[in-house]
Amino acid sequence: MTKSVMIVDDHPAIRVAIRALLSQSNEFSTIYESVDGSEALETLKNNTVDLVIIDIELPNFDGFSLLKKLQQRGFSGKSLFLSAKNEQVFAVRALQAGANGFISKNKDISEILFAAQNVLRGYSFFPSETLTQLAGQPSSHDPVNRARLLSEREINVLRYLVNGLSNKQIADEMFISNKTVSTYKTRILTKLGLSSVIELADYAHTHNLV
């Protein structure tokens, strides 16, 4: 039985590459494309999709937010995340968010066909290190592991801070109060063992979090 797939990525070249890879198999009857989460949700209103391949770094709202919206709407298909960001951090977050697989854009993207086939057959597809990391608690002595202590909302605030947004701008973007932003900022710095936004920016760029 053939399957339908949706590719959600704002980079046309990535969508073309993934479509070409999936088209090598006769397992996929229909391949939809969306540039962001809003378009994906609109497409899914009138179409049934067995697998959604989601870039984590989407405009408007990120891949984690899209997956959460899909889950809230009762989406019964599978989900496979893509990201060029830190694999150790984001593969773990993908698994914790309920995704069925994760592929790093920094590796051989041709692996995506194999991943899609396996996910649709009911298997998980994550880097081998991901399950190993989840078996134990993050070590506060490892800078990368410290990032795993951050929640999804804290990661979003971190990105806004590193991109130079003020507390008020972040509050407006996330529909929260300035006080809540300040609380998030304090938590982020504490969890990462940092003392300023300048140090936070260095940390985020060094560990490929933004």
C-alpha atoms as a PDB file:
ATOM      1  CA  MET A   1       0.000   0.000   0.000  1.00  0.00           C
ATOM      2  CA  THR A   2       1.461   3.337  -1.054  1.00  0.00           C
ATOM      3  CA  LYS A   3       1.894   6.209   1.382  1.00  0.00           C
ATOM      4  CA  SER A   4       1.580   9.983   1.261  1.00  0.00           C
ATOM      5  CA  VAL A   5       4.276  12.297   2.603  1.00  0.00           C
ATOM      6  CA  MET A   6       4.520  16.001   3.378  1.00  0.00           C
ATOM      7  CA  ILE A   7       7.851  17.855   3.362  1.00  0.00           C
ATOM      8  CA  VAL A   8       7.826  20.997   5.533  1.00  0.00           C
ATOM      9  CA  ASP A   9      10.949  23.081   4.905  1.00  0.00           C
ATOM     10  CA  ASP A  10      11.410  26.717   3.924  1.00  0.00           C
ATOM     11  CA  HIS A  11      14.414  25.939   1.699  1.00  0.00           C
ATOM     12  CA  PRO A  12      13.332  25.005  -1.862  1.00  0.00           C
ATOM     13  CA  ALA A  13      16.594  23.152  -2.556  1.00  0.00           C
ATOM     14  CA  ILE A  14      16.063  20.881   0.453  1.00  0.00           C
ATOM     15  CA  ARG A  15      12.466  20.141  -0.560  1.00  0.00           C
ATOM     16  CA  VAL A  16      13.580  19.310  -4.113  1.00  0.00           C
ATOM     17  CA  ALA A  17      16.352  17.030  -2.828  1.00  0.00           C
ATOM     18  CA  ILE A  18      14.033  15.175  -0.451  1.00  0.00           C
ATOM     19  CA  ARG A  19      11.339  14.807  -3.110  1.00  0.00           C
ATOM     20  CA  ALA A  20      13.916  13.370  -5.524  1.00  0.00           C
ATOM     21  CA  LEU A  21      15.094  10.859  -2.919  1.00  0.00           C
ATOM     22  CA  LEU A  22      11.587   9.747  -1.990  1.00  0.00           C
ATOM     23  CA  SER A  23      10.634   9.466  -5.654  1.00  0.00           C
ATOM     24  CA  GLN A  24      13.253   6.730  -6.051  1.00  0.00           C
ATOM     25  CA  SER A  25      10.818   4.417  -4.270  1.00  0.00           C
ATOM     26  CA  ASN A  26       7.366   3.404  -5.491  1.00  0.00           C
ATOM     27  CA  GLU A  27       6.170   3.364  -1.881  1.00  0.00           C
ATOM     28  CA  PHE A  28       5.165   7.030  -1.963  1.00  0.00           C
ATOM     29  CA  SER A  29       2.125   7.878  -4.074  1.00  0.00           C
ATOM     30  CA  THR A  30       1.769  11.536  -3.114  1.00  0.00           C
ATOM     31  CA  ILE A  31       4.359  14.055  -1.926  1.00  0.00           C
ATOM     32  CA  TYR A  32       3.119  17.407  -0.626  1.00  0.00           C
ATOM     33  CA  GLU A  33       5.369  20.399   0.057  1.00  0.00           C
ATOM     34  CA  SER A  34       4.929  23.259   2.540  1.00  0.00           C
ATOM     35  CA  VAL A  35       7.204  26.205   3.276  1.00  0.00           C
ATOM     36  CA  ASP A  36       6.110  26.636   6.900  1.00  0.00           C
ATOM     37  CA  GLY A  37       3.880  25.270   9.621  1.00  0.00           C
ATOM     38  CA  SER A  38       0.851  27.385   8.719  1.00  0.00           C
ATOM     39  CA  GLU A  39       0.830  26.099   5.147  1.00  0.00           C
ATOM     40  CA  ALA A  40       1.310  22.536   6.396  1.00  0.00           C
ATOM     41  CA  LEU A  41      -1.677  22.790   8.733  1.00  0.00           C
ATOM     42  CA  GLU A  42      -3.791  24.237   5.925  1.00  0.00           C
ATOM     43  CA  THR A  43      -2.852  21.382   3.580  1.00  0.00           C
ATOM     44  CA  LEU A  44      -3.652  18.796   6.232  1.00  0.00           C
ATOM     45  CA  LYS A  45      -7.185  20.130   6.606  1.00  0.00           C
ATOM     46  CA  ASN A  46      -8.154  18.506   3.314  1.00  0.00           C
ATOM     47  CA  ASN A  47      -5.532  15.803   2.812  1.00  0.00           C
ATOM     48  CA  THR A  48      -4.466  12.662   4.650  1.00  0.00           C
ATOM     49  CA  VAL A  49      -0.724  12.306   5.166  1.00  0.00           C
ATOM     50  CA  ASP A  50       1.052   9.235   6.513  1.00  0.00           C
ATOM     51  CA  LEU A  51       4.400  10.924   7.215  1.00  0.00           C
ATOM     52  CA  VAL A  52       5.389  14.533   7.859  1.00  0.00           C
ATOM     53  CA  ILE A  53       9.064  15.414   7.382  1.00  0.00           C
ATOM     54  CA  ILE A  54       9.655  18.606   9.358  1.00  0.00           C
ATOM     55  CA  ASP A  55      12.570  21.026   9.426  1.00  0.00           C
ATOM     56  CA  ILE A  56      12.963  22.168  13.030  1.00  0.00           C
ATOM     57  CA  GLU A  57      14.033  25.700  12.045  1.00  0.00           C
ATOM     58  CA  LEU A  58      10.828  26.878  10.345  1.00  0.00           C
ATOM     59  CA  PRO A  59       9.718  30.514  10.033  1.00  0.00           C
ATOM     60  CA  ASN A  60       6.757  31.780  12.112  1.00  0.00           C
ATOM     61  CA  PHE A  61       6.778  28.815  14.508  1.00  0.00           C
ATOM     62  CA  ASP A  62       9.333  26.036  14.716  1.00  0.00           C
ATOM     63  CA  GLY A  63       9.028  22.334  14.010  1.00  0.00           C
ATOM     64  CA  PHE A  64       8.398  21.449  17.646  1.00  0.00           C
ATOM     65  CA  SER A  65       5.446  23.845  17.735  1.00  0.00           C
ATOM     66  CA  LEU A  66       4.115  22.362  14.499  1.00  0.00           C
ATOM     67  CA  LEU A  67       4.334  18.821  15.881  1.00  0.00           C
ATOM     68  CA  LYS A  68       2.530  19.920  19.033  1.00  0.00           C
ATOM     69  CA  LYS A  69      -0.267  21.470  16.958  1.00  0.00           C
ATOM     70  CA  LEU A  70      -0.528  18.273  14.914  1.00  0.00           C
ATOM     71  CA  GLN A  71      -0.754  16.195  18.083  1.00  0.00           C
ATOM     72  CA  GLN A  72      -3.463  18.487  19.454  1.00  0.00           C
ATOM     73  CA  ARG A  73      -5.443  18.007  16.230  1.00  0.00           C
ATOM     74  CA  GLY A  74      -5.244  14.240  16.494  1.00  0.00           C
ATOM     75  CA  PHE A  75      -2.745  13.653  13.691  1.00  0.00           C
ATOM     76  CA  SER A  76      -2.254   9.888  13.445  1.00  0.00           C
ATOM     77  CA  GLY A  77       0.666   9.803  11.006  1.00  0.00           C
ATOM     78  CA  LYS A  78       4.388   9.586  11.655  1.00  0.00           C
ATOM     79  CA  SER A  79       6.831  12.481  12.026  1.00  0.00           C
ATOM     80  CA  LEU A  80      10.484  12.772  11.059  1.00  0.00           C
ATOM     81  CA  PHE A  81      12.544  15.820  12.061  1.00  0.00           C
ATOM     82  CA  LEU A  82      15.391  17.438  10.124  1.00  0.00           C
ATOM     83  CA  SER A  83      17.880  19.936  11.527  1.00  0.00           C
ATOM     84  CA  ALA A  84      21.259  21.472  10.825  1.00  0.00           C
ATOM     85  CA  LYS A  85      21.600  22.359  14.509  1.00  0.00           C
ATOM     86  CA  ASN A  86      23.374  20.474  17.289  1.00  0.00           C
ATOM     87  CA  GLU A  87      22.420  16.819  16.868  1.00  0.00           C
ATOM     88  CA  GLN A  88      23.119  15.854  20.486  1.00  0.00           C
ATOM     89  CA  VAL A  89      20.635  18.443  21.715  1.00  0.00           C
ATOM     90  CA  PHE A  90      17.922  18.437  19.070  1.00  0.00           C
ATOM     91  CA  ALA A  91      17.690  14.691  18.412  1.00  0.00           C
ATOM     92  CA  VAL A  92      16.960  14.203  22.109  1.00  0.00           C
ATOM     93  CA  ARG A  93      14.394  17.004  22.063  1.00  0.00           C
ATOM     94  CA  ALA A  94      12.754  15.481  18.976  1.00  0.00           C
ATOM     95  CA  LEU A  95      12.387  12.132  20.726  1.00  0.00           C
ATOM     96  CA  GLN A  96      11.043  13.771  23.870  1.00  0.00           C
ATOM     97  CA  ALA A  97       8.521  15.750  21.774  1.00  0.00           C
ATOM     98  CA  GLY A  98       7.092  12.537  20.354  1.00  0.00           C
ATOM     99  CA  ALA A  99       8.716  12.482  16.904  1.00  0.00           C
ATOM    100  CA  ASN A 100       9.416   9.120  15.295  1.00  0.00           C
ATOM    101  CA  GLY A 101      12.838  10.018  13.938  1.00  0.00           C
ATOM    102  CA  PHE A 102      15.566  12.622  13.462  1.00  0.00           C
ATOM    103  CA  ILE A 103      18.103  13.222  10.690  1.00  0.00           C
ATOM    104  CA  SER A 104      20.916  15.776  10.777  1.00  0.00           C
ATOM    105  CA  LYS A 105      21.233  17.944   7.668  1.00  0.00           C
ATOM    106  CA  ASN A 106      24.970  17.951   8.317  1.00  0.00           C
ATOM    107  CA  LYS A 107      25.165  14.264   7.428  1.00  0.00           C
ATOM    108  CA  ASP A 108      24.235  12.312   4.299  1.00  0.00           C
ATOM    109  CA  ILE A 109      20.688  13.461   3.518  1.00  0.00           C
ATOM    110  CA  SER A 110      20.249  10.473   1.196  1.00  0.00           C
ATOM    111  CA  GLU A 111      19.616   8.558   4.430  1.00  0.00           C
ATOM    112  CA  ILE A 112      16.185  10.166   4.516  1.00  0.00           C
ATOM    113  CA  LEU A 113      14.623   7.558   2.216  1.00  0.00           C
ATOM    114  CA  PHE A 114      15.759   4.751   4.518  1.00  0.00           C
ATOM    115  CA  ALA A 115      14.554   6.733   7.541  1.00  0.00           C
ATOM    116  CA  ALA A 116      11.135   7.426   6.010  1.00  0.00           C
ATOM    117  CA  GLN A 117      10.643   3.774   5.078  1.00  0.00           C
ATOM    118  CA  ASN A 118      11.563   2.568   8.557  1.00  0.00           C
ATOM    119  CA  VAL A 119       9.472   5.143  10.389  1.00  0.00           C
ATOM    120  CA  LEU A 120       6.431   4.203   8.301  1.00  0.00           C
ATOM    121  CA  ARG A 121       7.000   0.555   9.229  1.00  0.00           C
ATOM    122  CA  GLY A 122       6.723   1.441  12.891  1.00  0.00           C
ATOM    123  CA  TYR A 123      10.385   1.798  13.812  1.00  0.00           C
ATOM    124  CA  SER A 124      12.102   4.770  15.442  1.00  0.00           C
ATOM    125  CA  PHE A 125      15.011   6.380  13.610  1.00  0.00           C
ATOM    126  CA  PHE A 126      17.386   8.340  15.843  1.00  0.00           C
ATOM    127  CA  PRO A 127      21.167   8.643  16.160  1.00  0.00           C
ATOM    128  CA  SER A 128      22.430   5.776  18.307  1.00  0.00           C
ATOM    129  CA  GLU A 129      23.819   8.277  20.824  1.00  0.00           C
ATOM    130  CA  THR A 130      20.346   9.677  21.499  1.00  0.00           C
ATOM    131  CA  LEU A 131      18.989   6.660  23.355  1.00  0.00           C
ATOM    132  CA  THR A 132      22.280   6.340  25.221  1.00  0.00           C
ATOM    133  CA  GLN A 133      22.023   9.953  26.375  1.00  0.00           C
ATOM    134  CA  LEU A 134      18.440   9.476  27.530  1.00  0.00           C
ATOM    135  CA  ALA A 135      19.453   6.468  29.594  1.00  0.00           C
ATOM    136  CA  GLY A 136      21.188   8.759  32.093  1.00  0.00           C
ATOM    137  CA  GLN A 137      20.775  12.232  33.489  1.00  0.00           C
ATOM    138  CA  PRO A 138      22.502  15.143  31.724  1.00  0.00           C
ATOM    139  CA  SER A 139      25.824  15.956  33.328  1.00  0.00           C
ATOM    140  CA  SER A 140      26.176  19.536  34.482  1.00  0.00           C
ATOM    141  CA  HIS A 141      29.893  19.282  33.696  1.00  0.00           C
ATOM    142  CA  ASP A 142      29.335  18.791  29.969  1.00  0.00           C
ATOM    143  CA  PRO A 143      28.467  22.059  28.132  1.00  0.00           C
ATOM    144  CA  VAL A 144      26.399  20.239  25.490  1.00  0.00           C
ATOM    145  CA  ASN A 145      24.510  18.227  28.097  1.00  0.00           C
ATOM    146  CA  ARG A 146      23.688  21.427  29.978  1.00  0.00           C
ATOM    147  CA  ALA A 147      21.739  22.602  26.924  1.00  0.00           C
ATOM    148  CA  ARG A 148      19.563  19.504  27.220  1.00  0.00           C
ATOM    149  CA  LEU A 149      18.333  20.842  30.556  1.00  0.00           C
ATOM    150  CA  LEU A 150      16.525  23.661  28.742  1.00  0.00           C
ATOM    151  CA  SER A 151      12.821  23.383  27.992  1.00  0.00           C
ATOM    152  CA  GLU A 152      11.340  24.121  24.571  1.00  0.00           C
ATOM    153  CA  ARG A 153      10.217  27.585  25.710  1.00  0.00           C
ATOM    154  CA  GLU A 154      13.644  28.325  27.164  1.00  0.00           C
ATOM    155  CA  ILE A 155      15.300  27.346  23.871  1.00  0.00           C
ATOM    156  CA  ASN A 156      12.975  29.761  22.055  1.00  0.00           C
ATOM    157  CA  VAL A 157      13.807  32.586  24.483  1.00  0.00           C
ATOM    158  CA  LEU A 158      17.514  31.777  24.113  1.00  0.00           C
ATOM    159  CA  ARG A 159      17.278  32.156  20.340  1.00  0.00           C
ATOM    160  CA  TYR A 160      15.491  35.486  20.615  1.00  0.00           C
ATOM    161  CA  LEU A 161      18.050  36.782  23.127  1.00  0.00           C
ATOM    162  CA  VAL A 162      20.987  35.722  20.966  1.00  0.00           C
ATOM    163  CA  ASN A 163      19.361  37.391  17.960  1.00  0.00           C
ATOM    164  CA  GLY A 164      19.333  40.674  19.873  1.00  0.00           C
ATOM    165  CA  LEU A 165      15.662  41.042  20.768  1.00  0.00           C
ATOM    166  CA  SER A 166      14.768  43.007  23.891  1.00  0.00           C
ATOM    167  CA  ASN A 167      12.645  41.561  26.693  1.00  0.00           C
ATOM    168  CA  LYS A 168       9.632  43.492  25.397  1.00  0.00           C
ATOM    169  CA  GLN A 169      10.125  42.254  21.834  1.00  0.00           C
ATOM    170  CA  ILE A 170      10.419  38.673  23.067  1.00  0.00           C
ATOM    171  CA  ALA A 171       7.303  39.126  25.191  1.00  0.00           C
ATOM    172  CA  ASP A 172       5.391  40.372  22.142  1.00  0.00           C
ATOM    173  CA  GLU A 173       6.637  37.491  19.970  1.00  0.00           C
ATOM    174  CA  MET A 174       5.731  34.826  22.534  1.00  0.00           C
ATOM    175  CA  PHE A 175       2.587  36.494  23.931  1.00  0.00           C
ATOM    176  CA  ILE A 176       3.936  36.520  27.473  1.00  0.00           C
ATOM    177  CA  SER A 177       4.801  39.277  29.973  1.00  0.00           C
ATOM    178  CA  ASN A 178       8.149  41.045  30.354  1.00  0.00           C
ATOM    179  CA  LYS A 179       8.396  39.538  33.833  1.00  0.00           C
ATOM    180  CA  THR A 180       8.022  36.034  32.418  1.00  0.00           C
ATOM    181  CA  VAL A 181      10.770  36.734  29.877  1.00  0.00           C
ATOM    182  CA  SER A 182      13.059  37.875  32.698  1.00  0.00           C
ATOM    183  CA  THR A 183      12.281  34.677  34.596  1.00  0.00           C
ATOM    184  CA  TYR A 184      13.125  32.567  31.546  1.00  0.00           C
ATOM    185  CA  LYS A 185      16.361  34.498  31.031  1.00  0.00           C
ATOM    186  CA  THR A 186      17.431  33.890  34.637  1.00  0.00           C
ATOM    187  CA  ARG A 187      16.614  30.177  34.371  1.00  0.00           C
ATOM    188  CA  ILE A 188      18.553  29.837  31.115  1.00  0.00           C
ATOM    189  CA  LEU A 189      21.676  31.521  32.477  1.00  0.00           C
ATOM    190  CA  THR A 190      21.481  29.483  35.690  1.00  0.00           C
ATOM    191  CA  LYS A 191      21.054  26.143  33.915  1.00  0.00           C
ATOM    192  CA  LEU A 192      23.928  26.882  31.544  1.00  0.00           C
ATOM    193  CA  GLY A 193      26.198  28.283  34.246  1.00  0.00           C
ATOM    194  CA  LEU A 194      26.511  31.647  32.488  1.00  0.00           C
ATOM    195  CA  SER A 195      26.323  35.203  33.785  1.00  0.00           C
ATOM    196  CA  SER A 196      25.402  37.405  30.809  1.00  0.00           C
ATOM    197  CA  VAL A 197      23.685  37.485  27.427  1.00  0.00           C
ATOM    198  CA  ILE A 198      27.111  37.997  25.816  1.00  0.00           C
ATOM    199  CA  GLU A 199      28.292  34.696  27.307  1.00  0.00           C
ATOM    200  CA  LEU A 200      24.989  33.151  26.226  1.00  0.00           C
ATOM    201  CA  ALA A 201      25.560  34.255  22.621  1.00  0.00           C
ATOM    202  CA  ASP A 202      29.067  32.768  22.629  1.00  0.00           C
ATOM    203  CA  TYR A 203      27.749  29.518  24.100  1.00  0.00           C
ATOM    204  CA  ALA A 204      24.877  29.269  21.605  1.00  0.00           C
ATOM    205  CA  HIS A 205      27.110  29.827  18.584  1.00  0.00           C
ATOM    206  CA  THR A 206      29.852  27.530  19.873  1.00  0.00           C
ATOM    207  CA  HIS A 207      27.399  24.671  20.398  1.00  0.00           C
ATOM    208  CA  ASN A 208      25.326  25.340  17.260  1.00  0.00           C
ATOM    209  CA  LEU A 209      22.066  26.116  19.060  1.00  0.00           C
ATOM    210  CA  VAL A 210      21.054  29.026  16.818  1.00  0.00           C
END
